[in-house]
């Protein structure tokens, strides 16, 4: 059976008015047109829906049963319309974001807290992913946008739009009494001679540093792995090892921990934080709003300023 919602609505009008004429008036149709629609509905259901008399119409048992179903169906249709009108106005929606470790731990909690506070109908799925997975996810549509630090050697396909929003660099954090704390210039290869405090193996930063160590023909000398930058800094402060961290993160924890922070002289230590979206993908308005918030985010000094301002212990 194929039910026409307009026919069901007309049927409900007639049933509630107990009159073809009054039902037709509610439906803004002629009485003859309404009578024809009711007869068509009766033929389709192979059931008589009304008893007709000079006083009007009265529902048959089949008509009573259909009235219950028709009201439920029309009520559900109104709920669907109401819910999706929210989507149409961007009051309701969902975004999936793939991001690197720094974004997930450092600044996206702050960005999303402010964004979601005023948008109760919006949900966000933020997933920590490796750089290649971020690029692939945005490229194939698994993610609406990606956030990563683009460094030397990272190739972004031309089908993706790259939106840089801040600069950061990787630095070496050590205890205050560490031999490297007094060095003016430090390379990553120098740091590989000492035990390291690193993030967990699933983090973007760990995989990147591991690959760079292998380029020097050395393993990354992991002493302990942790699940956050604060934990890493506490381990470094306690003398467990040294660690490579984003500069913005290291400077923040240095304010209340006994840490020495030194720039790495390696060219690849500079990172350009960027958002990736597909060139052909149009974000909903709330997605564009979040994109604007992220691309305006600043958490560290400009790269040019950082180059001329050595970090002191």
Protein backbone atom coordinates (compact mmCIF):
# COMPACT_ATOMS: atom_id res chain seq x y z
CA UNK A 1 0.00 0.00 0.00
CA UNK A 2 1.08 3.54 -0.74
CA UNK A 3 -0.31 6.14 1.64
CA UNK A 4 -0.57 9.74 0.54
CA UNK A 5 0.02 11.98 3.57
CA UNK A 6 -2.39 14.54 2.11
CA UNK A 7 -5.14 11.90 1.99
CA UNK A 8 -4.47 10.90 5.59
CA UNK A 9 -4.63 14.54 6.66
CA UNK A 10 -7.94 15.02 4.81
CA UNK A 11 -9.30 11.86 6.43
CA UNK A 12 -8.41 13.16 9.90
CA UNK A 13 -10.08 16.51 9.18
CA UNK A 14 -13.33 14.81 8.08
CA UNK A 15 -13.27 12.38 11.02
CA UNK A 16 -12.75 15.17 13.56
CA UNK A 17 -15.50 17.33 12.03
CA UNK A 18 -17.92 14.42 11.39
CA UNK A 19 -18.67 16.19 8.11
CA UNK A 20 -17.33 16.08 4.56
CA UNK A 21 -18.16 19.77 4.09
CA UNK A 22 -16.47 20.96 7.29
CA UNK A 23 -13.50 18.67 6.63
CA UNK A 24 -13.19 20.10 3.13
CA UNK A 25 -13.16 23.63 4.55
CA UNK A 26 -10.30 22.74 6.91
CA UNK A 27 -8.39 21.22 4.00
CA UNK A 28 -9.16 24.21 1.74
CA UNK A 29 -10.66 21.91 -0.90
CA UNK A 30 -14.07 21.43 -2.43
CA UNK A 31 -16.46 18.93 -0.89
CA UNK A 32 -16.50 16.94 -4.13
CA UNK A 33 -12.68 16.74 -4.14
CA UNK A 34 -12.60 15.57 -0.53
CA UNK A 35 -15.31 12.99 -1.18
CA UNK A 36 -13.28 11.63 -4.10
CA UNK A 37 -10.08 11.41 -1.98
CA UNK A 38 -11.94 9.53 0.79
CA UNK A 39 -13.43 7.05 -1.72
CA UNK A 40 -9.96 6.49 -3.20
CA UNK A 41 -8.56 5.82 0.27
CA UNK A 42 -11.39 3.37 1.02
CA UNK A 43 -10.72 1.56 -2.25
CA UNK A 44 -7.02 1.26 -1.50
CA UNK A 45 -7.67 -0.09 2.00
CA UNK A 46 -10.61 -2.21 0.80
CA UNK A 47 -12.50 -1.00 3.87
CA UNK A 48 -15.40 1.36 4.43
CA UNK A 49 -14.23 4.24 6.61
CA UNK A 50 -17.42 6.27 7.13
CA UNK A 51 -21.12 5.73 7.52
CA UNK A 52 -22.82 8.51 5.55
CA UNK A 53 -26.16 10.09 6.47
CA UNK A 54 -27.99 13.37 6.02
CA UNK A 55 -26.56 14.52 9.38
CA UNK A 56 -22.98 13.99 8.27
CA UNK A 57 -20.52 11.12 8.53
CA UNK A 58 -19.58 8.70 11.30
CA UNK A 59 -16.51 6.51 11.53
CA UNK A 60 -16.81 2.78 11.00
CA UNK A 61 -14.71 0.41 13.17
CA UNK A 62 -12.13 0.37 10.34
CA UNK A 63 -12.27 4.17 10.25
CA UNK A 64 -11.67 4.37 14.02
CA UNK A 65 -8.62 2.19 13.67
CA UNK A 66 -7.25 4.18 10.74
CA UNK A 67 -7.77 7.42 12.68
CA UNK A 68 -5.44 6.16 15.43
CA UNK A 69 -2.76 5.23 12.91
CA UNK A 70 -3.20 8.41 10.86
CA UNK A 71 -2.76 10.66 13.89
CA UNK A 72 0.41 8.79 14.92
CA UNK A 73 1.82 8.98 11.40
CA UNK A 74 1.11 12.70 11.01
CA UNK A 75 2.50 13.44 14.46
CA UNK A 76 5.71 11.59 13.63
CA UNK A 77 6.00 13.45 10.32
CA UNK A 78 5.74 16.75 12.21
CA UNK A 79 8.49 15.63 14.58
CA UNK A 80 10.77 14.76 11.68
CA UNK A 81 10.06 18.14 10.03
CA UNK A 82 10.74 19.91 13.29
CA UNK A 83 14.01 18.07 13.89
CA UNK A 84 15.34 18.59 10.40
CA UNK A 85 14.36 22.23 10.37
CA UNK A 86 17.01 22.46 13.10
CA UNK A 87 19.57 20.94 10.76
CA UNK A 88 18.53 23.29 7.99
CA UNK A 89 19.14 26.27 10.24
CA UNK A 90 22.41 24.75 11.55
CA UNK A 91 21.00 24.63 15.08
CA UNK A 92 21.73 20.88 15.05
CA UNK A 93 24.71 19.18 13.48
CA UNK A 94 27.85 17.09 13.83
CA UNK A 95 31.52 17.52 12.88
CA UNK A 96 34.32 14.98 12.84
CA UNK A 97 37.85 16.33 13.26
CA UNK A 98 41.13 14.42 12.99
CA UNK A 99 43.97 16.21 14.80
CA UNK A 100 47.52 15.64 15.95
CA UNK A 101 48.53 15.20 19.58
CA UNK A 102 49.38 18.86 20.18
CA UNK A 103 46.00 20.05 18.95
CA UNK A 104 44.03 17.44 20.92
CA UNK A 105 45.88 18.08 24.18
CA UNK A 106 46.95 21.72 23.94
CA UNK A 107 44.40 24.03 22.39
CA UNK A 108 41.35 22.24 21.00
CA UNK A 109 39.81 21.66 24.48
CA UNK A 110 39.82 25.43 25.00
CA UNK A 111 38.55 26.17 21.49
CA UNK A 112 35.76 23.59 21.63
CA UNK A 113 34.65 24.52 25.16
CA UNK A 114 33.88 28.07 24.05
CA UNK A 115 32.40 26.98 20.71
CA UNK A 116 30.07 24.29 22.09
CA UNK A 117 28.91 26.28 25.13
CA UNK A 118 26.68 28.46 22.96
CA UNK A 119 25.65 25.69 20.53
CA UNK A 120 23.86 22.93 22.48
CA UNK A 121 22.65 21.20 19.32
CA UNK A 122 26.14 20.73 17.83
CA UNK A 123 28.29 17.68 18.55
CA UNK A 124 31.97 17.16 17.69
CA UNK A 125 33.96 13.95 17.32
CA UNK A 126 37.62 14.90 17.91
CA UNK A 127 40.03 12.04 17.22
CA UNK A 128 43.81 11.99 17.71
CA UNK A 129 45.43 10.65 14.53
CA UNK A 130 48.85 10.42 12.91
CA UNK A 131 49.71 12.96 10.21
CA UNK A 132 49.20 10.62 7.26
CA UNK A 133 45.89 9.42 8.71
CA UNK A 134 44.73 13.02 9.14
CA UNK A 135 45.51 13.83 5.51
CA UNK A 136 43.92 10.60 4.26
CA UNK A 137 40.82 11.08 6.43
CA UNK A 138 40.12 14.57 5.11
CA UNK A 139 40.89 13.48 1.56
CA UNK A 140 38.41 10.58 1.56
CA UNK A 141 35.73 12.43 3.53
CA UNK A 142 36.03 10.42 6.75
CA UNK A 143 36.75 13.70 8.58
CA UNK A 144 35.28 17.15 7.95
CA UNK A 145 38.58 18.83 8.77
CA UNK A 146 42.06 18.00 10.01
CA UNK A 147 44.48 19.85 12.27
CA UNK A 148 48.20 19.17 12.12
CA UNK A 149 51.64 20.72 12.29
CA UNK A 150 53.07 20.80 8.79
CA UNK A 151 56.82 20.29 8.89
CA UNK A 152 59.54 19.78 6.32
CA UNK A 153 58.85 16.60 4.36
CA UNK A 154 55.07 16.57 4.84
CA UNK A 155 53.29 16.62 1.46
CA UNK A 156 49.66 17.74 1.29
CA UNK A 157 47.68 16.70 -1.84
CA UNK A 158 46.52 19.56 -4.08
CA UNK A 159 42.88 18.49 -3.59
CA UNK A 160 43.12 19.73 -0.01
CA UNK A 161 43.06 23.34 1.11
CA UNK A 162 45.67 24.22 3.72
CA UNK A 163 44.82 27.06 6.12
CA UNK A 164 47.82 28.01 8.33
CA UNK A 165 46.89 29.68 11.61
CA UNK A 166 49.97 29.79 13.84
CA UNK A 167 53.64 28.87 14.04
CA UNK A 168 55.35 26.68 16.59
CA UNK A 169 58.66 24.90 16.91
CA UNK A 170 59.95 21.86 18.69
CA UNK A 171 62.26 22.48 21.63
CA UNK A 172 64.33 20.40 24.02
CA UNK A 173 63.23 20.40 27.67
CA UNK A 174 65.74 19.25 30.29
CA UNK A 175 66.21 19.40 34.06
CA UNK A 176 68.00 22.59 35.16
CA UNK A 177 71.19 20.73 36.04
CA UNK A 178 71.38 18.75 32.79
CA UNK A 179 74.57 19.05 30.64
CA UNK A 180 72.53 20.27 27.65
CA UNK A 181 70.91 23.04 29.69
CA UNK A 182 74.03 25.20 29.27
CA UNK A 183 74.40 24.71 25.53
CA UNK A 184 73.61 27.67 23.29
CA UNK A 185 72.84 25.53 20.25
CA UNK A 186 71.46 22.01 20.31
CA UNK A 187 70.65 19.61 17.50
CA UNK A 188 68.28 16.69 17.76
CA UNK A 189 71.23 14.38 17.15
CA UNK A 190 72.91 15.81 20.27
CA UNK A 191 69.79 15.08 22.32
CA UNK A 192 69.70 11.47 21.13
CA UNK A 193 72.71 10.73 23.35
CA UNK A 194 70.46 10.99 26.43
CA UNK A 195 67.41 9.05 27.67
CA UNK A 196 64.10 10.53 26.50
CA UNK A 197 60.69 11.08 28.03
CA UNK A 198 58.21 10.68 25.15
CA UNK A 199 54.50 10.57 24.51
CA UNK A 200 52.76 7.24 23.90
CA UNK A 201 53.46 5.32 20.70
CA UNK A 202 50.10 6.28 19.17
CA UNK A 203 50.96 9.98 19.17
CA UNK A 204 51.94 11.92 16.07
CA UNK A 205 54.92 13.49 17.81
CA UNK A 206 56.38 10.14 18.90
CA UNK A 207 56.25 8.72 15.38
CA UNK A 208 57.76 11.85 13.89
CA UNK A 209 60.66 11.95 16.37
CA UNK A 210 61.26 8.23 15.98
CA UNK A 211 61.51 8.59 12.20
CA UNK A 212 63.92 11.54 12.55
CA UNK A 213 66.13 9.55 14.92
CA UNK A 214 66.34 6.73 12.39
CA UNK A 215 67.55 9.25 9.78
CA UNK A 216 70.60 9.73 12.01
CA UNK A 217 71.01 5.97 12.23
CA UNK A 218 70.07 5.99 15.90
CA UNK A 219 67.11 4.58 17.83
CA UNK A 220 65.00 6.98 19.86
CA UNK A 221 66.33 6.30 23.40
CA UNK A 222 62.99 6.02 25.20
CA UNK A 223 63.27 5.88 29.00
CA UNK A 224 59.57 6.31 29.74
CA UNK A 225 56.39 7.00 27.76
CA UNK A 226 53.47 9.06 29.09
CA UNK A 227 50.04 10.18 27.87
CA UNK A 228 50.31 13.95 28.15
CA UNK A 229 52.65 16.92 27.99
CA UNK A 230 52.23 17.80 31.66
CA UNK A 231 53.21 14.27 32.69
CA UNK A 232 56.20 14.47 30.35
CA UNK A 233 57.34 17.77 31.88
CA UNK A 234 57.04 16.38 35.42
CA UNK A 235 59.17 13.40 34.47
CA UNK A 236 61.76 15.68 32.86
CA UNK A 237 61.78 17.97 35.91
CA UNK A 238 62.37 14.91 38.11
CA UNK A 239 65.46 13.97 36.08
CA UNK A 240 64.05 10.89 34.35
CA UNK A 241 65.20 12.12 30.95
CA UNK A 242 65.01 14.90 28.38
CA UNK A 243 62.10 15.49 26.02
CA UNK A 244 61.20 17.12 22.71
CA UNK A 245 58.05 19.22 23.10
CA UNK A 246 56.14 21.95 21.26
CA UNK A 247 57.55 25.31 22.34
CA UNK A 248 54.18 26.74 23.42
CA UNK A 249 53.66 23.75 25.71
CA UNK A 250 57.19 23.75 27.16
CA UNK A 251 57.10 27.47 27.96
CA UNK A 252 53.77 27.16 29.75
CA UNK A 253 54.96 24.35 32.03
CA UNK A 254 58.33 26.00 32.58
CA UNK A 255 56.50 28.81 34.36
CA UNK A 256 55.84 26.55 37.35
CA UNK A 257 58.38 23.73 36.93
CA UNK A 258 62.16 23.64 37.16
CA UNK A 259 62.86 23.13 33.46
CA UNK A 260 65.38 24.38 30.97
CA UNK A 261 63.98 24.92 27.46
CA UNK A 262 66.30 25.17 24.47
CA UNK A 263 65.57 25.60 20.77
CA UNK A 264 66.58 22.86 18.38
CA UNK A 265 68.63 24.17 15.48
CA UNK A 266 67.27 21.54 13.06
CA UNK A 267 65.29 23.13 10.21
CA UNK A 268 62.50 20.55 10.49
CA UNK A 269 61.83 21.60 14.11
CA UNK A 270 59.74 24.52 12.82
CA UNK A 271 56.08 23.70 12.40
CA UNK A 272 53.24 25.55 10.74
CA UNK A 273 49.94 24.68 12.40
CA UNK A 274 47.29 24.29 9.74
CA UNK A 275 43.72 23.20 9.20
CA UNK A 276 42.99 20.93 6.24
CA UNK A 277 39.67 20.83 4.41
CA UNK A 278 38.71 19.46 1.01
CA UNK A 279 38.64 21.99 -1.79
CA UNK A 280 35.25 20.74 -2.98
CA UNK A 281 33.65 20.40 0.48
CA UNK A 282 31.26 23.08 1.69
CA UNK A 283 31.08 23.14 5.48
CA UNK A 284 27.77 23.95 7.18
CA UNK A 285 27.69 27.41 8.71
CA UNK A 286 28.54 26.10 12.20
CA UNK A 287 31.51 24.23 10.68
CA UNK A 288 32.69 27.41 9.02
CA UNK A 289 32.32 29.25 12.34
CA UNK A 290 34.54 26.68 14.07
CA UNK A 291 37.04 26.86 11.21
CA UNK A 292 37.22 30.64 11.63
CA UNK A 293 37.78 30.28 15.39
CA UNK A 294 40.60 27.78 14.89
CA UNK A 295 42.35 29.79 12.19
CA UNK A 296 42.31 32.86 14.42
CA UNK A 297 43.79 30.96 17.36
CA UNK A 298 47.24 32.07 18.52
CA UNK A 299 49.12 30.33 21.31
CA UNK A 300 52.77 31.05 20.61
CA UNK A 301 54.92 33.96 19.40
CA UNK A 302 55.41 34.36 15.63
CA UNK A 303 58.19 32.26 14.19
CA UNK A 304 60.28 35.28 13.19
CA UNK A 305 60.18 36.63 16.73
CA UNK A 306 61.04 33.22 18.16
CA UNK A 307 64.14 32.98 15.95
CA UNK A 308 65.55 36.12 17.56
CA UNK A 309 64.50 35.38 21.11
CA UNK A 310 66.44 32.41 22.62
CA UNK A 311 64.63 30.63 25.40
CA UNK A 312 66.37 30.96 28.75
CA UNK A 313 66.25 28.42 31.59
